[in-house]
Protein backbone atom coordinates (compact mmCIF):
# COMPACT_ATOMS: atom_id res chain seq x y z
CA GLN A 1 -0.11 0.19 0.00
CA VAL A 2 0.94 3.04 -0.83
CA GLN A 3 -0.07 6.52 1.67
CA LEU A 4 -0.32 10.03 0.57
CA VAL A 5 -0.72 13.16 2.42
CA GLU A 6 -1.43 16.43 1.04
CA SER A 7 -0.43 19.92 2.76
CA GLY A 8 -0.09 23.55 2.20
CA GLY A 9 -3.76 24.37 0.99
CA GLY A 10 -5.61 27.36 2.31
CA LEU A 11 -7.66 30.70 1.73
CA VAL A 12 -5.74 33.25 -0.67
CA GLN A 13 -6.46 35.91 -2.54
CA ALA A 14 -7.23 36.27 -6.72
CA GLY A 15 -3.49 36.42 -7.70
CA GLY A 16 -1.71 34.85 -4.99
CA SER A 17 0.27 31.63 -4.99
CA LEU A 18 -0.17 28.84 -2.90
CA ARG A 19 2.76 25.47 -3.02
CA LEU A 20 0.68 22.26 -2.42
CA SER A 21 3.00 18.86 -0.96
CA CYS A 22 2.23 15.58 -1.23
CA ALA A 23 4.03 13.21 0.66
CA ALA A 24 4.15 9.40 -0.20
CA SER A 25 4.85 6.41 2.07
CA GLY A 26 4.44 2.74 2.05
CA SER A 27 5.23 0.63 -0.79
CA ILE A 28 6.56 3.90 -3.02
CA SER A 29 9.36 1.52 -4.62
CA GLY A 30 7.83 1.33 -8.35
CA ILE A 31 5.71 4.23 -8.12
CA ASN A 32 5.84 6.17 -11.79
CA ARG A 33 3.25 8.66 -12.39
CA MET A 34 2.07 11.23 -9.53
CA GLY A 35 -0.61 13.25 -10.14
CA TRP A 36 -3.13 16.34 -8.73
CA TYR A 37 -6.52 16.37 -9.28
CA ARG A 38 -9.39 18.61 -7.85
CA GLN A 39 -13.07 18.82 -7.42
CA ALA A 40 -15.27 21.70 -7.13
CA PRO A 41 -18.50 22.18 -5.26
CA GLY A 42 -21.20 19.99 -7.31
CA LYS A 43 -18.50 19.49 -9.75
CA GLN A 44 -16.71 16.29 -10.83
CA ARG A 45 -13.34 15.29 -9.83
CA GLU A 46 -10.93 16.71 -12.87
CA PHE A 47 -7.30 16.27 -13.82
CA VAL A 48 -4.70 18.88 -13.05
CA ALA A 49 -1.42 18.03 -13.44
CA SER A 50 0.96 14.84 -13.54
CA ILE A 51 4.78 13.95 -13.57
CA THR A 52 6.67 10.72 -14.65
CA SER A 53 9.17 9.16 -12.89
CA GLY A 54 11.42 10.70 -15.88
CA GLY A 55 10.24 14.03 -14.97
CA SER A 56 7.54 14.51 -17.87
CA THR A 57 4.85 16.95 -16.95
CA TYR A 58 1.50 17.00 -18.34
CA TYR A 59 -1.55 20.18 -17.38
CA ALA A 60 -4.82 20.95 -17.89
CA ASP A 61 -5.52 23.69 -20.53
CA SER A 62 -6.95 25.59 -17.65
CA VAL A 63 -3.99 25.46 -15.20
CA LYS A 64 -1.25 25.63 -17.99
CA GLY A 65 1.26 28.67 -17.45
CA ARG A 66 -0.07 29.03 -14.07
CA PHE A 67 0.91 25.83 -11.99
CA ALA A 68 3.96 23.82 -11.59
CA ILE A 69 4.43 20.30 -10.81
CA SER A 70 8.03 18.67 -9.49
CA ARG A 71 9.08 16.01 -7.73
CA ASP A 72 11.77 15.43 -4.97
CA ASP A 73 12.27 11.85 -5.43
CA ALA A 74 14.88 11.94 -2.17
CA LYS A 75 11.69 13.14 -0.08
CA ASN A 76 9.25 11.08 -1.62
CA THR A 77 7.39 14.21 -2.28
CA VAL A 78 5.29 15.69 -5.00
CA TYR A 79 4.57 19.24 -5.41
CA LEU A 80 2.11 21.91 -7.15
CA GLN A 81 3.02 25.53 -7.30
CA MET A 82 -0.29 27.49 -8.01
CA ASN A 83 0.43 30.93 -8.98
CA SER A 84 -2.07 33.33 -10.54
CA LEU A 85 -4.79 31.88 -8.29
CA ILE A 86 -8.38 32.43 -9.55
CA PRO A 87 -11.26 32.02 -7.91
CA GLU A 88 -12.17 28.75 -10.35
CA ASP A 89 -9.44 27.53 -8.82
CA THR A 90 -11.30 26.77 -5.65
CA ALA A 91 -11.60 22.73 -5.04
CA VAL A 92 -10.28 20.33 -2.37
CA TYR A 93 -7.23 19.23 -4.27
CA TYR A 94 -6.20 15.68 -4.38
CA CYS A 95 -2.66 13.98 -4.60
CA ALA A 96 -2.70 10.78 -6.69
CA ALA A 97 0.07 7.84 -7.31
CA ASP A 98 0.31 4.96 -9.76
CA LYS A 99 3.04 2.17 -10.22
CA ALA A 100 1.54 2.21 -13.87
CA SER A 101 2.44 4.36 -16.75
CA TRP A 102 -1.47 4.67 -17.88
CA GLY A 103 -4.97 4.00 -16.53
CA LEU A 104 -6.88 5.11 -13.36
CA TYR A 105 -4.57 5.95 -10.31
CA ASP A 106 -4.59 3.45 -7.52
CA TYR A 107 -3.36 5.70 -4.90
CA TRP A 108 -4.79 8.78 -3.34
CA GLY A 109 -4.33 11.24 -0.58
CA GLN A 110 -7.20 12.59 1.63
CA GLY A 111 -7.29 16.25 -0.03
CA THR A 112 -6.36 19.60 0.66
CA GLN A 113 -8.66 22.42 0.52
CA VAL A 114 -7.80 25.24 -1.83
CA THR A 115 -10.09 28.49 -1.56
CA VAL A 116 -9.41 31.73 -3.94
CA SER A 117 -11.39 34.55 -2.69
CA SER A 118 -11.88 37.36 -5.60
């Protein structure tokens, strides 16, 4: 099993920045992809960004140029730097990890709330 714990959420004004962290523990050997998803009230969970073990990154169009995903394998942690935040970014942000290179993620964190005020 892999445990994921997110941190770094909070309340920020529009235009501000936050950095989310996701620490992985447990059977982390072989983790390939790590990603971030978010779910706003009344909406489905949506993809935000992901990063592979090789460092390839992918972003949703809505966050390209504003968010940056990175990973520190020495700390077993993935980060999501969020800049130029807008109220539409308000959501619970979830970290995810998987040992496969495609398909649904097997492991999920509990989520961290991000609220952007206008």
